[in-house]
């Protein structure tokens, strides 16, 4: 699923996986209110968080969030 999203939206949306077990990943997760995993954060082109919540998500749910970030 991740590779498909990257192929389809990669020119308009940067998809990043964060390891919450790393120092940097933990900091990012806490800044966005994600204290459990898996979590999902959507940040728009202006740097605004448009979604932060827990997963897991099915492919349709994730695709919808990515489409929104891509302006579709």
PDB file of N, CA and C in Angstrom:
ATOM      1  N   UNK A   1       0.822  -1.191   0.000  1.00  0.00           N
ATOM      2  CA  UNK A   1       0.000   0.000   0.000  1.00  0.00           C
ATOM      3  C   UNK A   1       0.872   1.262   0.000  1.00  0.00           C
ATOM      4  N   UNK A   2       1.898   1.290   0.847  1.00  0.00           N
ATOM      5  CA  UNK A   2       2.747   2.478   0.966  1.00  0.00           C
ATOM      6  C   UNK A   2       3.413   2.804  -0.367  1.00  0.00           C
ATOM      7  N   UNK A   3       3.944   1.797  -1.034  1.00  0.00           N
ATOM      8  CA  UNK A   3       4.610   2.012  -2.325  1.00  0.00           C
ATOM      9  C   UNK A   3       3.626   2.525  -3.368  1.00  0.00           C
ATOM     10  N   UNK A   4       2.408   2.012  -3.356  1.00  0.00           N
ATOM     11  CA  UNK A   4       1.383   2.482  -4.297  1.00  0.00           C
ATOM     12  C   UNK A   4       1.054   3.950  -4.062  1.00  0.00           C
ATOM     13  N   UNK A   5       0.930   4.338  -2.797  1.00  0.00           N
ATOM     14  CA  UNK A   5       0.645   5.742  -2.477  1.00  0.00           C
ATOM     15  C   UNK A   5       1.805   6.634  -2.901  1.00  0.00           C
ATOM     16  N   UNK A   6       3.027   6.174  -2.667  1.00  0.00           N
ATOM     17  CA  UNK A   6       4.205   6.949  -3.059  1.00  0.00           C
ATOM     18  C   UNK A   6       4.244   7.135  -4.568  1.00  0.00           C
ATOM     19  N   UNK A   7       3.939   6.076  -5.320  1.00  0.00           N
ATOM     20  CA  UNK A   7       3.931   6.155  -6.778  1.00  0.00           C
ATOM     21  C   UNK A   7       2.855   7.122  -7.261  1.00  0.00           C
ATOM     22  N   UNK A   8       1.680   7.037  -6.683  1.00  0.00           N
ATOM     23  CA  UNK A   8       0.552   7.843  -7.150  1.00  0.00           C
ATOM     24  C   UNK A   8       0.625   9.304  -6.713  1.00  0.00           C
ATOM     25  N   UNK A   9       1.079   9.563  -5.489  1.00  0.00           N
ATOM     26  CA  UNK A   9       1.016  10.917  -4.943  1.00  0.00           C
ATOM     27  C   UNK A   9       2.382  11.520  -4.626  1.00  0.00           C
ATOM     28  N   UNK A  10       3.461  10.786  -4.885  1.00  0.00           N
ATOM     29  CA  UNK A  10       4.796  11.203  -4.476  1.00  0.00           C
ATOM     30  C   UNK A  10       5.264  12.545  -4.992  1.00  0.00           C
ATOM     31  N   UNK A  11       4.726  12.990  -6.119  1.00  0.00           N
ATOM     32  CA  UNK A  11       5.128  14.301  -6.643  1.00  0.00           C
ATOM     33  C   UNK A  11       4.419  15.441  -5.919  1.00  0.00           C
ATOM     34  N   UNK A  12       3.327  15.139  -5.228  1.00  0.00           N
ATOM     35  CA  UNK A  12       2.549  16.177  -4.545  1.00  0.00           C
ATOM     36  C   UNK A  12       2.578  16.050  -3.031  1.00  0.00           C
ATOM     37  N   UNK A  13       2.898  14.868  -2.544  1.00  0.00           N
ATOM     38  CA  UNK A  13       2.856  14.602  -1.111  1.00  0.00           C
ATOM     39  C   UNK A  13       4.119  13.848  -0.719  1.00  0.00           C
ATOM     40  N   UNK A  14       4.762  14.290   0.345  1.00  0.00           N
ATOM     41  CA  UNK A  14       5.917  13.561   0.863  1.00  0.00           C
ATOM     42  C   UNK A  14       5.414  12.572   1.911  1.00  0.00           C
ATOM     43  N   UNK A  15       5.645  11.297   1.666  1.00  0.00           N
ATOM     44  CA  UNK A  15       5.242  10.251   2.603  1.00  0.00           C
ATOM     45  C   UNK A  15       6.466   9.837   3.407  1.00  0.00           C
ATOM     46  N   UNK A  16       6.351   9.896   4.721  1.00  0.00           N
ATOM     47  CA  UNK A  16       7.476   9.602   5.597  1.00  0.00           C
ATOM     48  C   UNK A  16       7.025   8.608   6.657  1.00  0.00           C
ATOM     49  N   UNK A  17       7.806   7.567   6.850  1.00  0.00           N
ATOM     50  CA  UNK A  17       7.553   6.641   7.942  1.00  0.00           C
ATOM     51  C   UNK A  17       8.459   7.032   9.096  1.00  0.00           C
ATOM     52  N   UNK A  18       7.905   7.051  10.295  1.00  0.00           N
ATOM     53  CA  UNK A  18       8.653   7.451  11.481  1.00  0.00           C
ATOM     54  C   UNK A  18       8.675   6.280  12.462  1.00  0.00           C
ATOM     55  N   UNK A  19       9.855   5.967  12.966  1.00  0.00           N
ATOM     56  CA  UNK A  19      10.004   4.913  13.962  1.00  0.00           C
ATOM     57  C   UNK A  19       9.831   5.528  15.343  1.00  0.00           C
ATOM     58  N   UNK A  20       8.695   5.258  15.975  1.00  0.00           N
ATOM     59  CA  UNK A  20       8.401   5.846  17.277  1.00  0.00           C
ATOM     60  C   UNK A  20       9.381   5.370  18.348  1.00  0.00           C
ATOM     61  N   UNK A  21      10.087   4.303  18.097  1.00  0.00           N
ATOM     62  CA  UNK A  21      11.060   3.804  19.064  1.00  0.00           C
ATOM     63  C   UNK A  21      12.387   4.551  19.006  1.00  0.00           C
ATOM     64  N   UNK A  22      12.591   5.375  17.976  1.00  0.00           N
ATOM     65  CA  UNK A  22      13.813   6.181  17.904  1.00  0.00           C
ATOM     66  C   UNK A  22      13.576   7.502  18.640  1.00  0.00           C
ATOM     67  N   UNK A  23      14.640   8.166  19.029  1.00  0.00           N
ATOM     68  CA  UNK A  23      14.535   9.443  19.738  1.00  0.00           C
ATOM     69  C   UNK A  23      13.787  10.470  18.888  1.00  0.00           C
ATOM     70  N   UNK A  24      14.149  10.579  17.610  1.00  0.00           N
ATOM     71  CA  UNK A  24      13.512  11.544  16.714  1.00  0.00           C
ATOM     72  C   UNK A  24      12.047  11.189  16.471  1.00  0.00           C
ATOM     73  N   UNK A  25      11.788   9.904  16.273  1.00  0.00           N
ATOM     74  CA  UNK A  25      10.421   9.454  16.037  1.00  0.00           C
ATOM     75  C   UNK A  25       9.526   9.682  17.238  1.00  0.00           C
ATOM     76  N   UNK A  26      10.042   9.421  18.429  1.00  0.00           N
ATOM     77  CA  UNK A  26       9.284   9.643  19.661  1.00  0.00           C
ATOM     78  C   UNK A  26       8.949  11.128  19.814  1.00  0.00           C
ATOM     79  N   UNK A  27       9.928  11.990  19.526  1.00  0.00           N
ATOM     80  CA  UNK A  27       9.699  13.433  19.623  1.00  0.00           C
ATOM     81  C   UNK A  27       8.611  13.862  18.642  1.00  0.00           C
ATOM     82  N   UNK A  28       8.689  13.405  17.401  1.00  0.00           N
ATOM     83  CA  UNK A  28       7.689  13.745  16.387  1.00  0.00           C
ATOM     84  C   UNK A  28       6.305  13.280  16.829  1.00  0.00           C
ATOM     85  N   UNK A  29       6.217  12.037  17.287  1.00  0.00           N
ATOM     86  CA  UNK A  29       4.931  11.483  17.712  1.00  0.00           C
ATOM     87  C   UNK A  29       4.345  12.285  18.872  1.00  0.00           C
ATOM     88  N   UNK A  30       5.149  12.598  19.856  1.00  0.00           N
ATOM     89  CA  UNK A  30       4.663  13.348  21.010  1.00  0.00           C
ATOM     90  C   UNK A  30       4.237  14.760  20.626  1.00  0.00           C
ATOM     91  N   UNK A  31       4.952  15.389  19.701  1.00  0.00           N
ATOM     92  CA  UNK A  31       4.569  16.724  19.229  1.00  0.00           C
ATOM     93  C   UNK A  31       3.197  16.716  18.565  1.00  0.00           C
ATOM     94  N   UNK A  32       2.797  15.552  18.044  1.00  0.00           N
ATOM     95  CA  UNK A  32       1.518  15.434  17.350  1.00  0.00           C
ATOM     96  C   UNK A  32       0.477  14.670  18.168  1.00  0.00           C
ATOM     97  N   UNK A  33       0.772  14.438  19.446  1.00  0.00           N
ATOM     98  CA  UNK A  33      -0.191  13.788  20.328  1.00  0.00           C
ATOM     99  C   UNK A  33      -0.399  12.310  20.067  1.00  0.00           C
ATOM    100  N   UNK A  34       0.593  11.656  19.485  1.00  0.00           N
ATOM    101  CA  UNK A  34       0.507  10.224  19.215  1.00  0.00           C
ATOM    102  C   UNK A  34       1.317   9.508  20.302  1.00  0.00           C
ATOM    103  N   UNK A  35       0.623   8.820  21.200  1.00  0.00           N
ATOM    104  CA  UNK A  35       1.301   8.151  22.309  1.00  0.00           C
ATOM    105  C   UNK A  35       1.255   6.631  22.202  1.00  0.00           C
ATOM    106  N   UNK A  36       0.587   6.133  21.201  1.00  0.00           N
ATOM    107  CA  UNK A  36       0.513   4.692  20.947  1.00  0.00           C
ATOM    108  C   UNK A  36       0.797   4.474  19.474  1.00  0.00           C
ATOM    109  N   UNK A  37       1.002   3.233  19.093  1.00  0.00           N
ATOM    110  CA  UNK A  37       1.237   2.972  17.686  1.00  0.00           C
ATOM    111  C   UNK A  37       0.353   1.852  17.193  1.00  0.00           C
ATOM    112  N   UNK A  38       0.073   1.822  15.923  1.00  0.00           N
ATOM    113  CA  UNK A  38       0.565   2.746  14.907  1.00  0.00           C
ATOM    114  C   UNK A  38      -0.232   4.047  14.904  1.00  0.00           C
ATOM    115  N   UNK A  39       0.429   5.103  14.544  1.00  0.00           N
ATOM    116  CA  UNK A  39      -0.211   6.406  14.412  1.00  0.00           C
ATOM    117  C   UNK A  39      -0.064   6.910  12.995  1.00  0.00           C
ATOM    118  N   UNK A  40      -0.838   7.917  12.676  1.00  0.00           N
ATOM    119  CA  UNK A  40      -0.811   8.475  11.326  1.00  0.00           C
ATOM    120  C   UNK A  40      -0.967   9.977  11.452  1.00  0.00           C
ATOM    121  N   UNK A  41      -0.056  10.729  10.841  1.00  0.00           N
ATOM    122  CA  UNK A  41      -0.076  12.191  10.887  1.00  0.00           C
ATOM    123  C   UNK A  41      -0.055  12.710   9.461  1.00  0.00           C
ATOM    124  N   UNK A  42      -0.923  13.675   9.173  1.00  0.00           N
ATOM    125  CA  UNK A  42      -0.938  14.329   7.868  1.00  0.00           C
ATOM    126  C   UNK A  42      -0.591  15.794   8.092  1.00  0.00           C
ATOM    127  N   UNK A  43       0.454  16.255   7.421  1.00  0.00           N
ATOM    128  CA  UNK A  43       0.887  17.645   7.490  1.00  0.00           C
ATOM    129  C   UNK A  43       0.779  18.212   6.085  1.00  0.00           C
ATOM    130  N   UNK A  44       0.049  19.319   5.929  1.00  0.00           N
ATOM    131  CA  UNK A  44      -0.144  19.876   4.588  1.00  0.00           C
ATOM    132  C   UNK A  44       1.080  20.662   4.134  1.00  0.00           C
ATOM    133  N   UNK A  45       1.040  21.168   2.905  1.00  0.00           N
ATOM    134  CA  UNK A  45       2.186  21.864   2.309  1.00  0.00           C
ATOM    135  C   UNK A  45       2.588  23.105   3.092  1.00  0.00           C
ATOM    136  N   UNK A  46       1.649  23.688   3.823  1.00  0.00           N
ATOM    137  CA  UNK A  46       1.942  24.875   4.624  1.00  0.00           C
ATOM    138  C   UNK A  46       2.530  24.515   5.986  1.00  0.00           C
ATOM    139  N   UNK A  47       2.649  23.217   6.261  1.00  0.00           N
ATOM    140  CA  UNK A  47       3.206  22.781   7.533  1.00  0.00           C
ATOM    141  C   UNK A  47       2.180  22.611   8.631  1.00  0.00           C
ATOM    142  N   UNK A  48       0.905  22.694   8.286  1.00  0.00           N
ATOM    143  CA  UNK A  48      -0.164  22.534   9.272  1.00  0.00           C
ATOM    144  C   UNK A  48      -0.559  21.067   9.398  1.00  0.00           C
ATOM    145  N   UNK A  49      -0.720  20.603  10.620  1.00  0.00           N
ATOM    146  CA  UNK A  49      -1.188  19.240  10.838  1.00  0.00           C
ATOM    147  C   UNK A  49      -2.679  19.206  10.560  1.00  0.00           C
ATOM    148  N   UNK A  50      -3.073  18.419   9.572  1.00  0.00           N
ATOM    149  CA  UNK A  50      -4.491  18.316   9.224  1.00  0.00           C
ATOM    150  C   UNK A  50      -5.130  17.072   9.814  1.00  0.00           C
ATOM    151  N   UNK A  51      -4.312  16.125  10.260  1.00  0.00           N
ATOM    152  CA  UNK A  51      -4.822  14.927  10.910  1.00  0.00           C
ATOM    153  C   UNK A  51      -3.717  14.317  11.756  1.00  0.00           C
ATOM    154  N   UNK A  52      -4.056  13.901  12.947  1.00  0.00           N
ATOM    155  CA  UNK A  52      -3.143  13.141  13.801  1.00  0.00           C
ATOM    156  C   UNK A  52      -3.992  12.184  14.621  1.00  0.00           C
ATOM    157  N   UNK A  53      -3.762  10.906  14.458  1.00  0.00           N
ATOM    158  CA  UNK A  53      -4.558   9.925  15.183  1.00  0.00           C
ATOM    159  C   UNK A  53      -3.935   8.556  15.123  1.00  0.00           C
ATOM    160  N   UNK A  54      -4.604   7.628  15.776  1.00  0.00           N
ATOM    161  CA  UNK A  54      -4.120   6.261  15.821  1.00  0.00           C
ATOM    162  C   UNK A  54      -4.611   5.463  14.638  1.00  0.00           C
ATOM    163  N   UNK A  55      -3.854   4.461  14.261  1.00  0.00           N
ATOM    164  CA  UNK A  55      -4.260   3.513  13.236  1.00  0.00           C
ATOM    165  C   UNK A  55      -4.567   2.207  13.924  1.00  0.00           C
ATOM    166  N   UNK A  56      -4.556   1.088  13.264  1.00  0.00           N
ATOM    167  CA  UNK A  56      -4.242   1.025  11.843  1.00  0.00           C
ATOM    168  C   UNK A  56      -5.419   1.450  10.989  1.00  0.00           C
ATOM    169  N   UNK A  57      -5.116   1.791   9.780  1.00  0.00           N
ATOM    170  CA  UNK A  57      -6.130   2.188   8.822  1.00  0.00           C
ATOM    171  C   UNK A  57      -6.169   1.179   7.697  1.00  0.00           C
ATOM    172  N   UNK A  58      -7.326   1.027   7.111  1.00  0.00           N
ATOM    173  CA  UNK A  58      -7.385   0.212   5.905  1.00  0.00           C
ATOM    174  C   UNK A  58      -6.900   1.069   4.741  1.00  0.00           C
ATOM    175  N   UNK A  59      -6.674   0.438   3.610  1.00  0.00           N
ATOM    176  CA  UNK A  59      -6.137   1.146   2.444  1.00  0.00           C
ATOM    177  C   UNK A  59      -7.030   2.310   2.034  1.00  0.00           C
ATOM    178  N   UNK A  60      -8.336   2.138   2.105  1.00  0.00           N
ATOM    179  CA  UNK A  60      -9.268   3.196   1.714  1.00  0.00           C
ATOM    180  C   UNK A  60      -9.132   4.413   2.630  1.00  0.00           C
ATOM    181  N   UNK A  61      -9.014   4.185   3.935  1.00  0.00           N
ATOM    182  CA  UNK A  61      -8.875   5.289   4.880  1.00  0.00           C
ATOM    183  C   UNK A  61      -7.587   6.068   4.694  1.00  0.00           C
ATOM    184  N   UNK A  62      -6.485   5.350   4.530  1.00  0.00           N
ATOM    185  CA  UNK A  62      -5.191   6.004   4.326  1.00  0.00           C
ATOM    186  C   UNK A  62      -5.196   6.763   3.007  1.00  0.00           C
ATOM    187  N   UNK A  63      -5.724   6.140   1.964  1.00  0.00           N
ATOM    188  CA  UNK A  63      -5.778   6.793   0.657  1.00  0.00           C
ATOM    189  C   UNK A  63      -6.585   8.077   0.734  1.00  0.00           C
ATOM    190  N   UNK A  64      -7.686   8.076   1.458  1.00  0.00           N
ATOM    191  CA  UNK A  64      -8.495   9.281   1.610  1.00  0.00           C
ATOM    192  C   UNK A  64      -7.733  10.410   2.281  1.00  0.00           C
ATOM    193  N   UNK A  65      -6.964  10.096   3.316  1.00  0.00           N
ATOM    194  CA  UNK A  65      -6.172  11.121   3.997  1.00  0.00           C
ATOM    195  C   UNK A  65      -5.086  11.673   3.079  1.00  0.00           C
ATOM    196  N   UNK A  66      -4.436  10.797   2.325  1.00  0.00           N
ATOM    197  CA  UNK A  66      -3.383  11.231   1.403  1.00  0.00           C
ATOM    198  C   UNK A  66      -3.986  12.048   0.263  1.00  0.00           C
ATOM    199  N   UNK A  67      -5.131  11.640  -0.247  1.00  0.00           N
ATOM    200  CA  UNK A  67      -5.798  12.411  -1.303  1.00  0.00           C
ATOM    201  C   UNK A  67      -6.124  13.816  -0.811  1.00  0.00           C
ATOM    202  N   UNK A  68      -6.594  13.928   0.421  1.00  0.00           N
ATOM    203  CA  UNK A  68      -6.890  15.243   0.980  1.00  0.00           C
ATOM    204  C   UNK A  68      -5.649  16.114   1.052  1.00  0.00           C
ATOM    205  N   UNK A  69      -4.537  15.530   1.472  1.00  0.00           N
ATOM    206  CA  UNK A  69      -3.283  16.278   1.549  1.00  0.00           C
ATOM    207  C   UNK A  69      -2.786  16.673   0.166  1.00  0.00           C
ATOM    208  N   UNK A  70      -3.121  15.855  -0.841  1.00  0.00           N
ATOM    209  CA  UNK A  70      -2.697  16.130  -2.221  1.00  0.00           C
ATOM    210  C   UNK A  70      -3.629  17.109  -2.917  1.00  0.00           C
ATOM    211  N   UNK A  71      -4.688  17.514  -2.230  1.00  0.00           N
ATOM    212  CA  UNK A  71      -5.611  18.485  -2.814  1.00  0.00           C
ATOM    213  C   UNK A  71      -6.659  17.883  -3.719  1.00  0.00           C
ATOM    214  N   UNK A  72      -6.934  16.604  -3.562  1.00  0.00           N
ATOM    215  CA  UNK A  72      -7.961  15.956  -4.395  1.00  0.00           C
ATOM    216  C   UNK A  72      -9.295  15.951  -3.688  1.00  0.00           C
TER     217      UNK A  72
END
